[in-house]
Amino acid sequence: MGISGFKPSFLVGVEAVRQAHGSRLARLAGRRLTGFALARFVEDGDWFADCPVLLDFDGVQVEVCHSKLDELSIGWDTIDTAATITGWEWSEFTPHWSHSDERLEPFLGQGLCEVALLEWRPADRDLAAGTVAVEFAFAGGCLRIVNGLDENCIELGVAQPDYVRHRLDR
């Protein structure tokens, strides 16, 4: 993707994600959301949802990226949003890091109450069954970064009932 420092390590399943990142995600509780970044196209401002979503909690940057139908990569403090996203000379679009998003801006300055992993477990057969979302709960509401079937998707508010919530403890 041409993102300096981005070396995804994709995991599948809630237990793999919990083992690799659960305690570190849980330790974010109590920190304030002080910044975020999304890759957007210069030409039209559209979000390039294939790129990781970056959330900064008082100087600790978590980098969440979904891929394929079931893969999730979580990185820590590796991406420099001041660096140009390269390798797009062939394209009519130019991605760059944006620190503006109407969905995320209301959470700026709020303290994080809890982080949970959400596992998609619908009652009926579903291609997305087993995918893992990361939920960040603030006093003012929740935001989730979920698998949008081969890209990231941001959801706000109460999670759909087909998610099984796995609370993370420190």
N, C-alpha and C. Protein backbone atom coordinates (compact mmCIF):
# COMPACT_ATOMS: atom_id res chain seq x y z
N MET A 1 0.81 -1.21 0.00
CA MET A 1 0.00 0.00 0.00
C MET A 1 0.85 1.26 0.00
N GLY A 2 2.15 1.12 0.20
CA GLY A 2 3.02 2.29 0.20
C GLY A 2 3.00 3.07 1.49
N ILE A 3 2.57 2.43 2.59
CA ILE A 3 2.50 3.10 3.89
C ILE A 3 3.79 2.82 4.65
N SER A 4 4.54 3.86 4.89
CA SER A 4 5.82 3.73 5.58
C SER A 4 5.61 3.15 6.98
N GLY A 5 6.32 2.06 7.27
CA GLY A 5 6.27 1.42 8.58
C GLY A 5 5.19 0.36 8.73
N PHE A 6 4.26 0.28 7.79
CA PHE A 6 3.15 -0.67 7.91
C PHE A 6 3.59 -2.06 7.47
N LYS A 7 3.66 -2.95 8.44
CA LYS A 7 4.01 -4.35 8.18
C LYS A 7 2.94 -5.19 8.87
N PRO A 8 1.82 -5.41 8.20
CA PRO A 8 0.71 -6.11 8.86
C PRO A 8 1.06 -7.55 9.22
N SER A 9 0.50 -7.97 10.32
CA SER A 9 0.60 -9.35 10.77
C SER A 9 -0.84 -9.81 10.99
N PHE A 10 -1.41 -10.40 9.96
CA PHE A 10 -2.83 -10.75 10.00
C PHE A 10 -3.07 -12.02 10.81
N LEU A 11 -4.09 -11.95 11.65
CA LEU A 11 -4.51 -13.06 12.49
C LEU A 11 -5.94 -13.41 12.15
N VAL A 12 -6.33 -14.66 12.45
CA VAL A 12 -7.69 -15.12 12.21
C VAL A 12 -8.25 -15.66 13.52
N GLY A 13 -9.41 -15.17 13.90
CA GLY A 13 -10.09 -15.68 15.08
C GLY A 13 -9.84 -14.89 16.34
N VAL A 14 -10.85 -14.87 17.19
CA VAL A 14 -10.81 -14.07 18.40
C VAL A 14 -9.70 -14.51 19.36
N GLU A 15 -9.45 -15.80 19.48
CA GLU A 15 -8.41 -16.26 20.42
C GLU A 15 -7.02 -15.85 19.95
N ALA A 16 -6.76 -15.93 18.67
CA ALA A 16 -5.45 -15.51 18.15
C ALA A 16 -5.23 -14.02 18.39
N VAL A 17 -6.27 -13.21 18.15
CA VAL A 17 -6.14 -11.77 18.37
C VAL A 17 -5.98 -11.47 19.86
N ARG A 18 -6.77 -12.15 20.70
CA ARG A 18 -6.66 -11.93 22.15
C ARG A 18 -5.27 -12.29 22.66
N GLN A 19 -4.73 -13.42 22.24
CA GLN A 19 -3.40 -13.83 22.70
C GLN A 19 -2.33 -12.83 22.27
N ALA A 20 -2.41 -12.36 21.05
CA ALA A 20 -1.38 -11.46 20.52
C ALA A 20 -1.50 -10.03 21.04
N HIS A 21 -2.73 -9.55 21.25
CA HIS A 21 -2.91 -8.12 21.52
C HIS A 21 -3.86 -7.80 22.68
N GLY A 22 -4.49 -8.79 23.26
CA GLY A 22 -5.52 -8.54 24.27
C GLY A 22 -5.08 -7.71 25.45
N SER A 23 -3.98 -8.07 26.07
CA SER A 23 -3.56 -7.33 27.27
C SER A 23 -3.12 -5.91 26.92
N ARG A 24 -2.48 -5.75 25.79
CA ARG A 24 -2.04 -4.40 25.39
C ARG A 24 -3.25 -3.52 25.05
N LEU A 25 -4.24 -4.09 24.37
CA LEU A 25 -5.47 -3.34 24.09
C LEU A 25 -6.16 -2.95 25.40
N ALA A 26 -6.24 -3.89 26.33
CA ALA A 26 -6.90 -3.62 27.62
C ALA A 26 -6.21 -2.50 28.38
N ARG A 27 -4.89 -2.41 28.28
CA ARG A 27 -4.14 -1.36 28.99
C ARG A 27 -4.38 0.04 28.42
N LEU A 28 -5.05 0.13 27.29
CA LEU A 28 -5.41 1.45 26.76
C LEU A 28 -6.51 2.11 27.60
N ALA A 29 -7.28 1.31 28.32
CA ALA A 29 -8.37 1.85 29.15
C ALA A 29 -7.81 2.89 30.11
N GLY A 30 -8.53 4.00 30.21
CA GLY A 30 -8.10 5.11 31.06
C GLY A 30 -7.37 6.20 30.28
N ARG A 31 -6.89 5.87 29.09
CA ARG A 31 -6.22 6.88 28.26
C ARG A 31 -7.27 7.65 27.45
N ARG A 32 -6.92 8.87 27.06
CA ARG A 32 -7.80 9.69 26.23
C ARG A 32 -7.47 9.49 24.75
N LEU A 33 -8.50 9.54 23.93
CA LEU A 33 -8.27 9.54 22.48
C LEU A 33 -7.80 10.94 22.10
N THR A 34 -6.55 11.03 21.69
CA THR A 34 -5.96 12.34 21.39
C THR A 34 -5.77 12.59 19.90
N GLY A 35 -5.99 11.57 19.09
CA GLY A 35 -5.86 11.75 17.65
C GLY A 35 -6.25 10.50 16.90
N PHE A 36 -6.39 10.66 15.61
CA PHE A 36 -6.72 9.54 14.73
C PHE A 36 -6.28 9.90 13.32
N ALA A 37 -6.19 8.91 12.47
CA ALA A 37 -5.88 9.15 11.06
C ALA A 37 -6.52 8.07 10.21
N LEU A 38 -7.03 8.52 9.07
CA LEU A 38 -7.58 7.65 8.04
C LEU A 38 -6.93 8.03 6.72
N ALA A 39 -6.73 7.08 5.83
CA ALA A 39 -6.23 7.39 4.50
C ALA A 39 -7.42 7.82 3.64
N ARG A 40 -7.29 8.98 3.04
CA ARG A 40 -8.32 9.51 2.14
C ARG A 40 -7.65 9.87 0.81
N PHE A 41 -8.47 9.89 -0.24
CA PHE A 41 -7.95 10.29 -1.55
C PHE A 41 -8.00 11.81 -1.68
N VAL A 42 -6.89 12.39 -2.12
CA VAL A 42 -6.78 13.84 -2.29
C VAL A 42 -7.85 14.33 -3.26
N GLU A 43 -8.11 13.56 -4.30
CA GLU A 43 -8.97 14.03 -5.39
C GLU A 43 -10.44 14.22 -4.97
N ASP A 44 -10.95 13.34 -4.13
CA ASP A 44 -12.38 13.45 -3.79
C ASP A 44 -12.68 13.36 -2.28
N GLY A 45 -11.64 13.14 -1.48
CA GLY A 45 -11.83 13.07 -0.03
C GLY A 45 -12.39 11.76 0.48
N ASP A 46 -12.65 10.80 -0.42
CA ASP A 46 -13.21 9.52 0.01
C ASP A 46 -12.21 8.75 0.86
N TRP A 47 -12.74 8.04 1.84
CA TRP A 47 -11.93 7.21 2.71
C TRP A 47 -11.47 5.98 1.93
N PHE A 48 -10.19 5.66 2.00
CA PHE A 48 -9.63 4.45 1.41
C PHE A 48 -9.63 3.40 2.51
N ALA A 49 -10.71 2.66 2.63
CA ALA A 49 -10.98 1.77 3.76
C ALA A 49 -10.09 0.53 3.79
N ASP A 50 -9.27 0.31 2.77
CA ASP A 50 -8.32 -0.80 2.80
C ASP A 50 -7.13 -0.51 3.72
N CYS A 51 -6.86 0.76 3.96
CA CYS A 51 -5.73 1.16 4.80
C CYS A 51 -6.11 1.09 6.27
N PRO A 52 -5.12 0.93 7.14
CA PRO A 52 -5.41 0.83 8.57
C PRO A 52 -6.05 2.10 9.13
N VAL A 53 -6.84 1.90 10.17
CA VAL A 53 -7.41 3.00 10.95
C VAL A 53 -6.48 3.21 12.13
N LEU A 54 -6.01 4.44 12.31
CA LEU A 54 -5.07 4.75 13.38
C LEU A 54 -5.77 5.55 14.47
N LEU A 55 -5.64 5.07 15.70
CA LEU A 55 -6.19 5.77 16.86
C LEU A 55 -5.06 6.03 17.84
N ASP A 56 -4.91 7.26 18.29
CA ASP A 56 -3.86 7.62 19.24
C ASP A 56 -4.47 7.87 20.61
N PHE A 57 -3.99 7.12 21.59
CA PHE A 57 -4.45 7.25 22.96
C PHE A 57 -3.29 7.77 23.81
N ASP A 58 -3.26 9.09 24.00
CA ASP A 58 -2.20 9.72 24.80
C ASP A 58 -0.82 9.24 24.40
N GLY A 59 -0.54 9.20 23.10
CA GLY A 59 0.79 8.85 22.63
C GLY A 59 1.02 7.39 22.30
N VAL A 60 0.01 6.55 22.49
CA VAL A 60 0.09 5.15 22.08
C VAL A 60 -0.83 4.98 20.86
N GLN A 61 -0.23 4.67 19.73
CA GLN A 61 -1.00 4.55 18.48
C GLN A 61 -1.30 3.09 18.20
N VAL A 62 -2.60 2.79 18.08
CA VAL A 62 -3.03 1.45 17.68
C VAL A 62 -3.49 1.54 16.23
N GLU A 63 -3.08 0.54 15.43
CA GLU A 63 -3.31 0.55 13.99
C GLU A 63 -4.10 -0.71 13.64
N VAL A 64 -5.36 -0.54 13.28
CA VAL A 64 -6.28 -1.65 13.05
C VAL A 64 -6.57 -1.77 11.56
N CYS A 65 -6.41 -2.99 11.03
CA CYS A 65 -6.64 -3.19 9.60
C CYS A 65 -7.22 -4.58 9.34
N HIS A 66 -8.36 -4.61 8.68
CA HIS A 66 -9.00 -5.86 8.28
C HIS A 66 -8.65 -6.17 6.82
N SER A 67 -8.61 -7.46 6.51
CA SER A 67 -8.34 -7.89 5.15
C SER A 67 -9.10 -9.19 4.90
N LYS A 68 -9.36 -9.46 3.65
CA LYS A 68 -10.09 -10.66 3.24
C LYS A 68 -11.37 -10.78 4.06
N LEU A 69 -11.89 -11.97 4.21
CA LEU A 69 -13.14 -12.14 4.95
C LEU A 69 -12.93 -12.31 6.44
N ASP A 70 -11.69 -12.61 6.87
CA ASP A 70 -11.54 -12.97 8.28
C ASP A 70 -10.22 -12.55 8.92
N GLU A 71 -9.42 -11.76 8.24
CA GLU A 71 -8.11 -11.41 8.78
C GLU A 71 -8.12 -10.04 9.45
N LEU A 72 -7.38 -9.96 10.57
CA LEU A 72 -7.26 -8.71 11.32
C LEU A 72 -5.80 -8.52 11.72
N SER A 73 -5.27 -7.34 11.44
CA SER A 73 -3.92 -6.98 11.87
C SER A 73 -4.04 -5.80 12.83
N ILE A 74 -3.33 -5.90 13.94
CA ILE A 74 -3.23 -4.80 14.89
C ILE A 74 -1.76 -4.47 15.04
N GLY A 75 -1.43 -3.21 14.79
CA GLY A 75 -0.06 -2.76 14.93
C GLY A 75 0.03 -1.69 16.01
N TRP A 76 1.24 -1.41 16.42
CA TRP A 76 1.48 -0.46 17.51
C TRP A 76 2.60 0.50 17.14
N ASP A 77 2.27 1.77 16.99
CA ASP A 77 3.27 2.84 16.84
C ASP A 77 4.24 2.62 15.69
N THR A 78 3.78 2.06 14.59
CA THR A 78 4.70 1.82 13.47
C THR A 78 4.50 2.79 12.30
N ILE A 79 3.33 3.38 12.18
CA ILE A 79 3.01 4.19 11.00
C ILE A 79 3.20 5.67 11.31
N ASP A 80 3.96 6.34 10.46
CA ASP A 80 4.18 7.79 10.58
C ASP A 80 3.25 8.49 9.60
N THR A 81 2.24 9.18 10.13
CA THR A 81 1.28 9.84 9.25
C THR A 81 1.83 11.09 8.59
N ALA A 82 3.03 11.53 9.00
CA ALA A 82 3.67 12.66 8.32
C ALA A 82 4.35 12.20 7.03
N ALA A 83 4.59 10.89 6.92
CA ALA A 83 5.24 10.35 5.72
C ALA A 83 4.20 10.21 4.59
N THR A 84 4.64 10.48 3.39
CA THR A 84 3.78 10.37 2.21
C THR A 84 3.51 8.91 1.90
N ILE A 85 2.27 8.61 1.53
CA ILE A 85 1.92 7.27 1.05
C ILE A 85 2.41 7.20 -0.40
N THR A 86 3.26 6.23 -0.69
CA THR A 86 3.93 6.17 -1.99
C THR A 86 3.43 5.01 -2.84
N GLY A 87 3.89 4.98 -4.09
CA GLY A 87 3.62 3.87 -4.99
C GLY A 87 2.30 3.97 -5.74
N TRP A 88 1.72 5.14 -5.78
CA TRP A 88 0.42 5.31 -6.44
C TRP A 88 0.53 6.09 -7.74
N GLU A 89 1.72 6.19 -8.31
CA GLU A 89 1.92 6.96 -9.53
C GLU A 89 1.08 6.42 -10.69
N TRP A 90 0.80 5.15 -10.70
CA TRP A 90 0.02 4.49 -11.75
C TRP A 90 -1.47 4.81 -11.65
N SER A 91 -1.90 5.28 -10.51
CA SER A 91 -3.33 5.47 -10.25
C SER A 91 -3.76 6.92 -10.49
N GLU A 92 -5.05 7.09 -10.74
CA GLU A 92 -5.60 8.44 -10.87
C GLU A 92 -5.92 9.03 -9.49
N PHE A 93 -5.73 8.23 -8.44
CA PHE A 93 -6.01 8.68 -7.08
C PHE A 93 -4.73 8.73 -6.26
N THR A 94 -4.69 9.66 -5.31
CA THR A 94 -3.54 9.84 -4.45
C THR A 94 -3.99 9.77 -3.00
N PRO A 95 -3.65 8.69 -2.28
CA PRO A 95 -4.03 8.63 -0.88
C PRO A 95 -3.10 9.46 0.00
N HIS A 96 -3.67 10.03 1.06
CA HIS A 96 -2.88 10.77 2.05
C HIS A 96 -3.55 10.58 3.41
N TRP A 97 -2.82 10.87 4.48
CA TRP A 97 -3.38 10.73 5.82
C TRP A 97 -4.22 11.95 6.15
N SER A 98 -5.41 11.68 6.65
CA SER A 98 -6.33 12.74 7.06
C SER A 98 -6.63 12.59 8.55
N HIS A 99 -6.72 13.70 9.23
CA HIS A 99 -7.02 13.71 10.66
C HIS A 99 -8.41 14.31 10.89
N SER A 100 -9.26 14.14 9.91
CA SER A 100 -10.62 14.67 9.98
C SER A 100 -11.61 13.56 9.63
N ASP A 101 -12.60 13.38 10.50
CA ASP A 101 -13.66 12.42 10.23
C ASP A 101 -14.80 12.68 11.20
N GLU A 102 -15.98 12.95 10.67
CA GLU A 102 -17.12 13.33 11.51
C GLU A 102 -17.57 12.22 12.44
N ARG A 103 -17.26 10.97 12.12
CA ARG A 103 -17.63 9.86 13.01
C ARG A 103 -16.71 9.78 14.21
N LEU A 104 -15.43 10.08 14.02
CA LEU A 104 -14.44 9.92 15.08
C LEU A 104 -14.24 11.18 15.92
N GLU A 105 -14.45 12.35 15.34
CA GLU A 105 -14.19 13.61 16.04
C GLU A 105 -14.92 13.74 17.37
N PRO A 106 -16.17 13.27 17.53
CA PRO A 106 -16.83 13.40 18.83
C PRO A 106 -16.13 12.65 19.97
N PHE A 107 -15.29 11.68 19.65
CA PHE A 107 -14.60 10.90 20.68
C PHE A 107 -13.28 11.54 21.13
N LEU A 108 -12.80 12.52 20.37
CA LEU A 108 -11.53 13.18 20.73
C LEU A 108 -11.62 13.78 22.12
N GLY A 109 -10.60 13.53 22.93
CA GLY A 109 -10.55 14.06 24.28
C GLY A 109 -11.25 13.19 25.31
N GLN A 110 -12.03 12.22 24.87
CA GLN A 110 -12.72 11.34 25.81
C GLN A 110 -11.80 10.25 26.31
N GLY A 111 -11.99 9.87 27.57
CA GLY A 111 -11.25 8.77 28.14
C GLY A 111 -11.84 7.45 27.70
N LEU A 112 -10.98 6.51 27.40
CA LEU A 112 -11.40 5.18 26.99
C LEU A 112 -11.77 4.37 28.23
N CYS A 113 -12.97 3.86 28.27
CA CYS A 113 -13.44 3.07 29.42
C CYS A 113 -13.03 1.61 29.31
N GLU A 114 -13.12 1.06 28.09
CA GLU A 114 -12.89 -0.37 27.92
C GLU A 114 -12.66 -0.70 26.45
N VAL A 115 -11.92 -1.77 26.21
CA VAL A 115 -11.75 -2.31 24.87
C VAL A 115 -12.24 -3.75 24.89
N ALA A 116 -12.94 -4.15 23.83
CA ALA A 116 -13.42 -5.52 23.72
C ALA A 116 -13.21 -6.01 22.30
N LEU A 117 -13.11 -7.31 22.17
CA LEU A 117 -13.12 -7.94 20.84
C LEU A 117 -14.53 -8.47 20.63
N LEU A 118 -15.06 -8.24 19.45
CA LEU A 118 -16.39 -8.71 19.12
C LEU A 118 -16.27 -9.75 18.01
N GLU A 119 -16.91 -10.88 18.24
CA GLU A 119 -16.87 -11.99 17.28
C GLU A 119 -18.23 -12.10 16.61
N TRP A 120 -18.26 -12.04 15.31
CA TRP A 120 -19.52 -12.10 14.55
C TRP A 120 -20.01 -13.54 14.54
N ARG A 121 -21.14 -13.78 15.19
CA ARG A 121 -21.73 -15.12 15.30
C ARG A 121 -23.23 -15.05 15.02
N PRO A 122 -23.62 -14.92 13.76
CA PRO A 122 -25.04 -14.85 13.43
C PRO A 122 -25.72 -16.21 13.58
N ALA A 123 -27.01 -16.18 13.81
CA ALA A 123 -27.78 -17.41 13.97
C ALA A 123 -27.80 -18.21 12.67
N ASP A 124 -27.88 -17.52 11.55
CA ASP A 124 -27.92 -18.18 10.25
C ASP A 124 -26.52 -18.27 9.66
N ARG A 125 -26.38 -19.15 8.68
CA ARG A 125 -25.10 -19.28 7.98
C ARG A 125 -24.73 -17.93 7.36
N ASP A 126 -23.45 -17.58 7.49
CA ASP A 126 -23.00 -16.26 7.05
C ASP A 126 -21.52 -16.36 6.71
N LEU A 127 -21.11 -15.83 5.56
CA LEU A 127 -19.70 -15.86 5.16
C LEU A 127 -18.80 -15.13 6.15
N ALA A 128 -19.34 -14.15 6.84
CA ALA A 128 -18.54 -13.35 7.76
C ALA A 128 -18.46 -13.95 9.16
N ALA A 129 -19.09 -15.07 9.40
CA ALA A 129 -19.09 -15.68 10.74
C ALA A 129 -17.66 -15.88 11.22
N GLY A 130 -17.41 -15.47 12.45
CA GLY A 130 -16.09 -15.62 13.05
C GLY A 130 -15.19 -14.41 12.89
N THR A 131 -15.59 -13.43 12.08
CA THR A 131 -14.75 -12.25 11.94
C THR A 131 -14.70 -11.50 13.27
N VAL A 132 -13.61 -10.78 13.48
CA VAL A 132 -13.37 -10.11 14.75
C VAL A 132 -13.33 -8.60 14.53
N ALA A 133 -14.08 -7.89 15.37
CA ALA A 133 -14.07 -6.43 15.40
C ALA A 133 -13.42 -5.97 16.69
N VAL A 134 -12.89 -4.76 16.68
CA VAL A 134 -12.33 -4.17 17.90
C VAL A 134 -13.25 -3.03 18.31
N GLU A 135 -13.73 -3.11 19.55
CA GLU A 135 -14.66 -2.09 20.07
C GLU A 135 -13.96 -1.24 21.13
N PHE A 136 -14.09 0.06 20.98
CA PHE A 136 -13.55 1.03 21.92
C PHE A 136 -14.75 1.73 22.58
N ALA A 137 -14.90 1.53 23.90
CA ALA A 137 -16.04 2.08 24.63
C ALA A 137 -15.61 3.32 25.42
N PHE A 138 -16.30 4.41 25.17
CA PHE A 138 -16.09 5.68 25.86
C PHE A 138 -17.36 6.00 26.65
N ALA A 139 -17.27 6.93 27.57
CA ALA A 139 -18.47 7.35 28.31
C ALA A 139 -19.53 7.88 27.34
N GLY A 140 -19.09 8.50 26.26
CA GLY A 140 -20.00 9.09 25.29
C GLY A 140 -20.44 8.15 24.18
N GLY A 141 -20.13 6.87 24.27
CA GLY A 141 -20.56 5.92 23.25
C GLY A 141 -19.43 4.99 22.83
N CYS A 142 -19.75 4.13 21.90
CA CYS A 142 -18.79 3.13 21.41
C CYS A 142 -18.48 3.35 19.94
N LEU A 143 -17.26 3.01 19.58
CA LEU A 143 -16.90 2.93 18.17
C LEU A 143 -16.23 1.60 17.95
N ARG A 144 -16.52 1.01 16.82
CA ARG A 144 -15.97 -0.29 16.45
C ARG A 144 -15.33 -0.19 15.08
N ILE A 145 -14.21 -0.89 14.94
CA ILE A 145 -13.60 -1.06 13.63
C ILE A 145 -13.85 -2.52 13.28
N VAL A 146 -14.66 -2.73 12.26
CA VAL A 146 -15.13 -4.07 11.91
C VAL A 146 -14.68 -4.44 10.52
N ASN A 147 -14.79 -5.73 10.21
CA ASN A 147 -14.47 -6.22 8.88
C ASN A 147 -15.64 -5.91 7.96
N GLY A 148 -15.41 -5.06 7.00
CA GLY A 148 -16.41 -4.70 6.00
C GLY A 148 -16.29 -5.59 4.77
N LEU A 149 -15.92 -6.84 4.99
CA LEU A 149 -15.71 -7.83 3.92
C LEU A 149 -14.60 -7.37 2.98
N ASP A 150 -13.38 -7.48 3.48
CA ASP A 150 -12.14 -7.17 2.79
C ASP A 150 -11.74 -5.70 2.88
N GLU A 151 -12.28 -5.00 3.88
CA GLU A 151 -11.85 -3.64 4.16
C GLU A 151 -12.34 -3.27 5.55
N ASN A 152 -11.89 -2.14 6.04
CA ASN A 152 -12.33 -1.68 7.34
C ASN A 152 -13.67 -0.98 7.21
N CYS A 153 -14.41 -1.03 8.30
CA CYS A 153 -15.68 -0.32 8.39
C CYS A 153 -15.75 0.23 9.81
N ILE A 154 -16.24 1.45 9.96
CA ILE A 154 -16.39 2.05 11.27
C ILE A 154 -17.87 2.05 11.63
N GLU A 155 -18.18 1.49 12.80
CA GLU A 155 -19.56 1.49 13.31
C GLU A 155 -19.59 2.23 14.63
N LEU A 156 -20.70 2.90 14.90
CA LEU A 156 -20.88 3.64 16.14
C LEU A 156 -22.11 3.13 16.87
N GLY A 157 -22.16 3.40 18.17
CA GLY A 157 -23.33 3.05 18.97
C GLY A 157 -23.30 1.61 19.45
N VAL A 158 -24.49 1.09 19.72
CA VAL A 158 -24.63 -0.26 20.25
C VAL A 158 -24.34 -1.28 19.14
N ALA A 159 -23.58 -2.30 19.48
CA ALA A 159 -23.22 -3.34 18.51
C ALA A 159 -24.44 -4.17 18.14
N GLN A 160 -24.43 -4.69 16.95
CA GLN A 160 -25.50 -5.58 16.50
C GLN A 160 -25.55 -6.81 17.41
N PRO A 161 -26.73 -7.37 17.62
CA PRO A 161 -26.86 -8.50 18.55
C PRO A 161 -26.16 -9.78 18.09
N ASP A 162 -25.76 -9.88 16.85
CA ASP A 162 -25.07 -11.07 16.37
C ASP A 162 -23.59 -11.10 16.75
N TYR A 163 -23.12 -10.06 17.43
CA TYR A 163 -21.75 -10.07 17.95
C TYR A 163 -21.71 -10.72 19.32
N VAL A 164 -20.72 -11.57 19.54
CA VAL A 164 -20.41 -12.09 20.87
C VAL A 164 -19.28 -11.23 21.40
N ARG A 165 -19.50 -10.62 22.57
CA ARG A 165 -18.53 -9.68 23.13
C ARG A 165 -17.53 -10.41 24.02
N HIS A 166 -16.25 -10.15 23.77
CA HIS A 166 -15.16 -10.71 24.57
C HIS A 166 -14.43 -9.54 25.23
N ARG A 167 -14.76 -9.30 26.49
CA ARG A 167 -14.16 -8.20 27.24
C ARG A 167 -12.68 -8.52 27.48
N LEU A 168 -11.85 -7.49 27.37
CA LEU A 168 -10.42 -7.66 27.57
C LEU A 168 -10.04 -7.11 28.94
N ASP A 169 -9.32 -7.90 29.70
CA ASP A 169 -8.86 -7.49 31.03
C ASP A 169 -7.37 -7.23 30.99
N ARG A 170 -6.94 -6.33 31.84
CA ARG A 170 -5.52 -5.96 31.89
C ARG A 170 -4.67 -7.07 32.32
